[in-house]
C-alpha atoms as a PDB file:
ATOM      1  CA  UNK A   1      28.598  10.709  12.555  1.00  0.00           C
ATOM      2  CA  UNK A   2      26.628  11.102  15.984  1.00  0.00           C
ATOM      3  CA  UNK A   3      25.345  14.004  14.114  1.00  0.00           C
ATOM      4  CA  UNK A   4      24.266  12.663  11.074  1.00  0.00           C
ATOM      5  CA  UNK A   5      22.391   9.975  12.943  1.00  0.00           C
ATOM      6  CA  UNK A   6      20.988  12.544  15.565  1.00  0.00           C
ATOM      7  CA  UNK A   7      19.863  14.576  11.793  1.00  0.00           C
ATOM      8  CA  UNK A   8      18.519  11.230   9.848  1.00  0.00           C
ATOM      9  CA  UNK A   9      16.525  10.091  13.373  1.00  0.00           C
ATOM     10  CA  UNK A  10      15.012  13.885  13.505  1.00  0.00           C
ATOM     11  CA  UNK A  11      14.094  14.314  10.095  1.00  0.00           C
ATOM     12  CA  UNK A  12      10.474  14.177   9.229  1.00  0.00           C
ATOM     13  CA  UNK A  13      10.733  11.751   7.058  1.00  0.00           C
ATOM     14  CA  UNK A  14      12.226   8.521   9.437  1.00  0.00           C
ATOM     15  CA  UNK A  15       9.585   9.736  11.739  1.00  0.00           C
ATOM     16  CA  UNK A  16       7.090   9.162   9.701  1.00  0.00           C
ATOM     17  CA  UNK A  17       8.103   5.894   9.102  1.00  0.00           C
ATOM     18  CA  UNK A  18       7.980   4.506  12.788  1.00  0.00           C
ATOM     19  CA  UNK A  19       4.895   5.968  12.951  1.00  0.00           C
ATOM     20  CA  UNK A  20       3.952   4.466   9.746  1.00  0.00           C
ATOM     21  CA  UNK A  21       4.986   0.744  11.132  1.00  0.00           C
ATOM     22  CA  UNK A  22       3.162   1.383  14.557  1.00  0.00           C
ATOM     23  CA  UNK A  23      -0.159   2.156  13.110  1.00  0.00           C
ATOM     24  CA  UNK A  24       0.563  -0.305  10.183  1.00  0.00           C
ATOM     25  CA  UNK A  25       0.989  -3.228  13.142  1.00  0.00           C
ATOM     26  CA  UNK A  26      -1.623  -2.186  15.378  1.00  0.00           C
ATOM     27  CA  UNK A  27      -3.797  -2.107  12.077  1.00  0.00           C
ATOM     28  CA  UNK A  28      -2.879  -5.129  10.722  1.00  0.00           C
ATOM     29  CA  UNK A  29      -4.091  -7.127  14.073  1.00  0.00           C
ATOM     30  CA  UNK A  30      -7.113  -5.157  14.035  1.00  0.00           C
ATOM     31  CA  UNK A  31      -8.367  -6.772  10.188  1.00  0.00           C
ATOM     32  CA  UNK A  32      -6.993  -9.890  11.248  1.00  0.00           C
ATOM     33  CA  UNK A  33      -9.217 -10.049  14.358  1.00  0.00           C
ATOM     34  CA  UNK A  34     -12.268  -9.234  11.687  1.00  0.00           C
ATOM     35  CA  UNK A  35     -11.104 -12.054   9.198  1.00  0.00           C
ATOM     36  CA  UNK A  36     -10.232 -14.655  12.282  1.00  0.00           C
ATOM     37  CA  UNK A  37     -13.491 -13.553  13.954  1.00  0.00           C
ATOM     38  CA  UNK A  38     -15.702 -11.905  12.587  1.00  0.00           C
ATOM     39  CA  UNK A  39     -15.709 -13.188   9.076  1.00  0.00           C
ATOM     40  CA  UNK A  40     -14.211 -16.112   8.447  1.00  0.00           C
ATOM     41  CA  UNK A  41     -16.932 -18.519  10.704  1.00  0.00           C
ATOM     42  CA  UNK A  42     -20.462 -17.279   8.943  1.00  0.00           C
ATOM     43  CA  UNK A  43     -17.963 -18.291   5.911  1.00  0.00           C
ATOM     44  CA  UNK A  44     -17.749 -21.710   7.417  1.00  0.00           C
ATOM     45  CA  UNK A  45     -20.935 -21.748   8.561  1.00  0.00           C
ATOM     46  CA  UNK A  46     -21.985 -21.057   4.963  1.00  0.00           C
ATOM     47  CA  UNK A  47     -19.485 -23.642   3.529  1.00  0.00           C
ATOM     48  CA  UNK A  48     -20.844 -26.490   6.033  1.00  0.00           C
ATOM     49  CA  UNK A  49     -19.856 -25.745   9.744  1.00  0.00           C
ATOM     50  CA  UNK A  50     -16.002 -25.699   8.449  1.00  0.00           C
ATOM     51  CA  UNK A  51     -13.179 -24.626  11.085  1.00  0.00           C
ATOM     52  CA  UNK A  52     -10.645 -23.400   8.052  1.00  0.00           C
ATOM     53  CA  UNK A  53      -8.062 -23.420  10.441  1.00  0.00           C
ATOM     54  CA  UNK A  54      -8.212 -27.425  10.403  1.00  0.00           C
ATOM     55  CA  UNK A  55      -8.405 -27.296   7.055  1.00  0.00           C
ATOM     56  CA  UNK A  56      -5.393 -29.632   5.461  1.00  0.00           C
ATOM     57  CA  UNK A  57      -4.305 -32.521   3.252  1.00  0.00           C
ATOM     58  CA  UNK A  58      -2.486 -35.399   5.165  1.00  0.00           C
ATOM     59  CA  UNK A  59       0.737 -36.106   3.198  1.00  0.00           C
ATOM     60  CA  UNK A  60       1.327 -39.391   5.841  1.00  0.00           C
ATOM     61  CA  UNK A  61      -0.475 -42.700   6.291  1.00  0.00           C
ATOM     62  CA  UNK A  62       0.236 -42.146   9.831  1.00  0.00           C
ATOM     63  CA  UNK A  63      -1.842 -39.295  10.153  1.00  0.00           C
ATOM     64  CA  UNK A  64      -5.611 -40.544  10.674  1.00  0.00           C
ATOM     65  CA  UNK A  65      -8.195 -39.270   9.131  1.00  0.00           C
ATOM     66  CA  UNK A  66     -10.221 -36.746  10.671  1.00  0.00           C
ATOM     67  CA  UNK A  67      -7.081 -35.947  12.942  1.00  0.00           C
ATOM     68  CA  UNK A  68      -6.731 -32.244  14.307  1.00  0.00           C
ATOM     69  CA  UNK A  69      -4.286 -29.810  12.865  1.00  0.00           C
ATOM     70  CA  UNK A  70      -2.340 -30.123  16.144  1.00  0.00           C
ATOM     71  CA  UNK A  71      -2.400 -33.934  16.415  1.00  0.00           C
ATOM     72  CA  UNK A  72      -1.770 -34.478  12.210  1.00  0.00           C
ATOM     73  CA  UNK A  73       1.086 -31.650  12.565  1.00  0.00           C
ATOM     74  CA  UNK A  74       2.643 -34.120  15.534  1.00  0.00           C
ATOM     75  CA  UNK A  75       2.142 -37.251  13.310  1.00  0.00           C
ATOM     76  CA  UNK A  76       3.693 -35.936   9.874  1.00  0.00           C
ATOM     77  CA  UNK A  77       3.671 -33.739   7.420  1.00  0.00           C
ATOM     78  CA  UNK A  78       0.242 -32.119   6.299  1.00  0.00           C
ATOM     79  CA  UNK A  79      -0.715 -29.716   3.935  1.00  0.00           C
ATOM     80  CA  UNK A  80      -2.147 -27.189   5.871  1.00  0.00           C
ATOM     81  CA  UNK A  81      -4.491 -24.630   3.368  1.00  0.00           C
ATOM     82  CA  UNK A  82      -6.810 -23.747   5.527  1.00  0.00           C
ATOM     83  CA  UNK A  83      -4.694 -20.901   7.831  1.00  0.00           C
ATOM     84  CA  UNK A  84      -3.287 -19.497   4.017  1.00  0.00           C
ATOM     85  CA  UNK A  85      -6.857 -18.800   2.846  1.00  0.00           C
ATOM     86  CA  UNK A  86      -7.736 -17.000   6.264  1.00  0.00           C
ATOM     87  CA  UNK A  87      -4.579 -14.859   5.742  1.00  0.00           C
ATOM     88  CA  UNK A  88      -5.128 -14.764   1.718  1.00  0.00           C
ATOM     89  CA  UNK A  89      -8.290 -13.337   2.868  1.00  0.00           C
ATOM     90  CA  UNK A  90      -6.368 -11.121   5.817  1.00  0.00           C
ATOM     91  CA  UNK A  91      -4.329  -9.501   2.896  1.00  0.00           C
ATOM     92  CA  UNK A  92      -6.710  -8.591   0.264  1.00  0.00           C
ATOM     93  CA  UNK A  93      -8.717  -6.620   2.994  1.00  0.00           C
ATOM     94  CA  UNK A  94      -5.535  -4.741   4.122  1.00  0.00           C
ATOM     95  CA  UNK A  95      -4.176  -4.184   0.691  1.00  0.00           C
ATOM     96  CA  UNK A  96      -7.579  -2.773   0.011  1.00  0.00           C
ATOM     97  CA  UNK A  97      -7.541  -0.276   3.231  1.00  0.00           C
ATOM     98  CA  UNK A  98      -4.540   0.663   2.181  1.00  0.00           C
ATOM     99  CA  UNK A  99      -5.820   1.445  -1.522  1.00  0.00           C
ATOM    100  CA  UNK A 100      -8.662   3.294   0.008  1.00  0.00           C
ATOM    101  CA  UNK A 101      -6.229   5.157   2.745  1.00  0.00           C
ATOM    102  CA  UNK A 102      -3.699   6.092  -0.603  1.00  0.00           C
ATOM    103  CA  UNK A 103      -6.504   6.944  -2.607  1.00  0.00           C
ATOM    104  CA  UNK A 104      -8.419   9.557  -0.249  1.00  0.00           C
ATOM    105  CA  UNK A 105      -4.938  11.298   0.969  1.00  0.00           C
ATOM    106  CA  UNK A 106      -4.386  11.596  -2.457  1.00  0.00           C
ATOM    107  CA  UNK A 107      -7.332  13.388  -3.168  1.00  0.00           C
ATOM    108  CA  UNK A 108      -6.570  15.522  -0.120  1.00  0.00           C
ATOM    109  CA  UNK A 109      -3.684  17.056  -1.750  1.00  0.00           C
ATOM    110  CA  UNK A 110      -3.648  20.339  -3.759  1.00  0.00           C
ATOM    111  CA  UNK A 111      -2.174  20.605  -6.734  1.00  0.00           C
ATOM    112  CA  UNK A 112       1.021  23.074  -5.928  1.00  0.00           C
ATOM    113  CA  UNK A 113       0.666  25.654  -8.400  1.00  0.00           C
ATOM    114  CA  UNK A 114       2.267  29.084  -8.600  1.00  0.00           C
ATOM    115  CA  UNK A 115       2.552  31.582 -11.107  1.00  0.00           C
ATOM    116  CA  UNK A 116       3.841  30.858 -14.869  1.00  0.00           C
ATOM    117  CA  UNK A 117       7.572  31.035 -15.004  1.00  0.00           C
ATOM    118  CA  UNK A 118       7.407  30.170 -18.675  1.00  0.00           C
ATOM    119  CA  UNK A 119       5.314  31.062 -21.865  1.00  0.00           C
ATOM    120  CA  UNK A 120       4.952  30.306 -25.703  1.00  0.00           C
ATOM    121  CA  UNK A 121       7.022  32.653 -28.564  1.00  0.00           C
ATOM    122  CA  UNK A 122       4.170  33.682 -30.130  1.00  0.00           C
ATOM    123  CA  UNK A 123       6.513  33.368 -33.747  1.00  0.00           C
ATOM    124  CA  UNK A 124       7.644  30.059 -33.188  1.00  0.00           C
ATOM    125  CA  UNK A 125       5.734  28.825 -29.758  1.00  0.00           C
ATOM    126  CA  UNK A 126       9.045  27.548 -28.057  1.00  0.00           C
ATOM    127  CA  UNK A 127       8.853  27.709 -24.424  1.00  0.00           C
ATOM    128  CA  UNK A 128      10.805  30.817 -22.930  1.00  0.00           C
ATOM    129  CA  UNK A 129      10.830  32.646 -19.633  1.00  0.00           C
ATOM    130  CA  UNK A 130       7.969  35.030 -19.052  1.00  0.00           C
ATOM    131  CA  UNK A 131      10.710  37.769 -18.579  1.00  0.00           C
ATOM    132  CA  UNK A 132      12.149  36.960 -21.958  1.00  0.00           C
ATOM    133  CA  UNK A 133      12.171  40.348 -24.234  1.00  0.00           C
ATOM    134  CA  UNK A 134      13.918  38.193 -27.042  1.00  0.00           C
ATOM    135  CA  UNK A 135      13.260  35.073 -27.997  1.00  0.00           C
ATOM    136  CA  UNK A 136      16.368  32.750 -27.770  1.00  0.00           C
ATOM    137  CA  UNK A 137      14.835  30.080 -30.721  1.00  0.00           C
ATOM    138  CA  UNK A 138      14.351  32.418 -33.170  1.00  0.00           C
ATOM    139  CA  UNK A 139      15.122  36.120 -31.847  1.00  0.00           C
ATOM    140  CA  UNK A 140      11.791  37.610 -32.313  1.00  0.00           C
ATOM    141  CA  UNK A 141      11.395  41.072 -30.284  1.00  0.00           C
ATOM    142  CA  UNK A 142       9.051  40.041 -27.588  1.00  0.00           C
ATOM    143  CA  UNK A 143       8.298  43.371 -26.518  1.00  0.00           C
ATOM    144  CA  UNK A 144       6.637  43.696 -30.260  1.00  0.00           C
ATOM    145  CA  UNK A 145       4.742  40.768 -30.284  1.00  0.00           C
ATOM    146  CA  UNK A 146       1.307  40.676 -29.617  1.00  0.00           C
ATOM    147  CA  UNK A 147       0.073  37.733 -28.009  1.00  0.00           C
END
């Protein structure tokens, strides 16, 4: 079992996955900072000096109007939608960046084409091995047939 685990752990796929998770976590922190520190403050200011992190609906009469989100949570249940808006914008940006990354990688991949391994029979147009001298479907002698 140790040998199998060692082969799995050192296989390229497992190491690639580990590197991807680590880079993804770091990338998520960068995008989170971009959203929370660079995008949301100007959006909040444009909307009227809103701080999205403090947007919530009171679900209890015990919570006074205008209380901060932290104070409101101590006093009763709240529907805190401001943080959700920030996380949703964060997700959209991360998803879009990953989309662009995958699209770029797929563009760099070259199709792996080698020499042809099949050809069409000139008589019946069935696909046959390139080295065939007789069509297995219609029995045409391919050494005499013209292409």
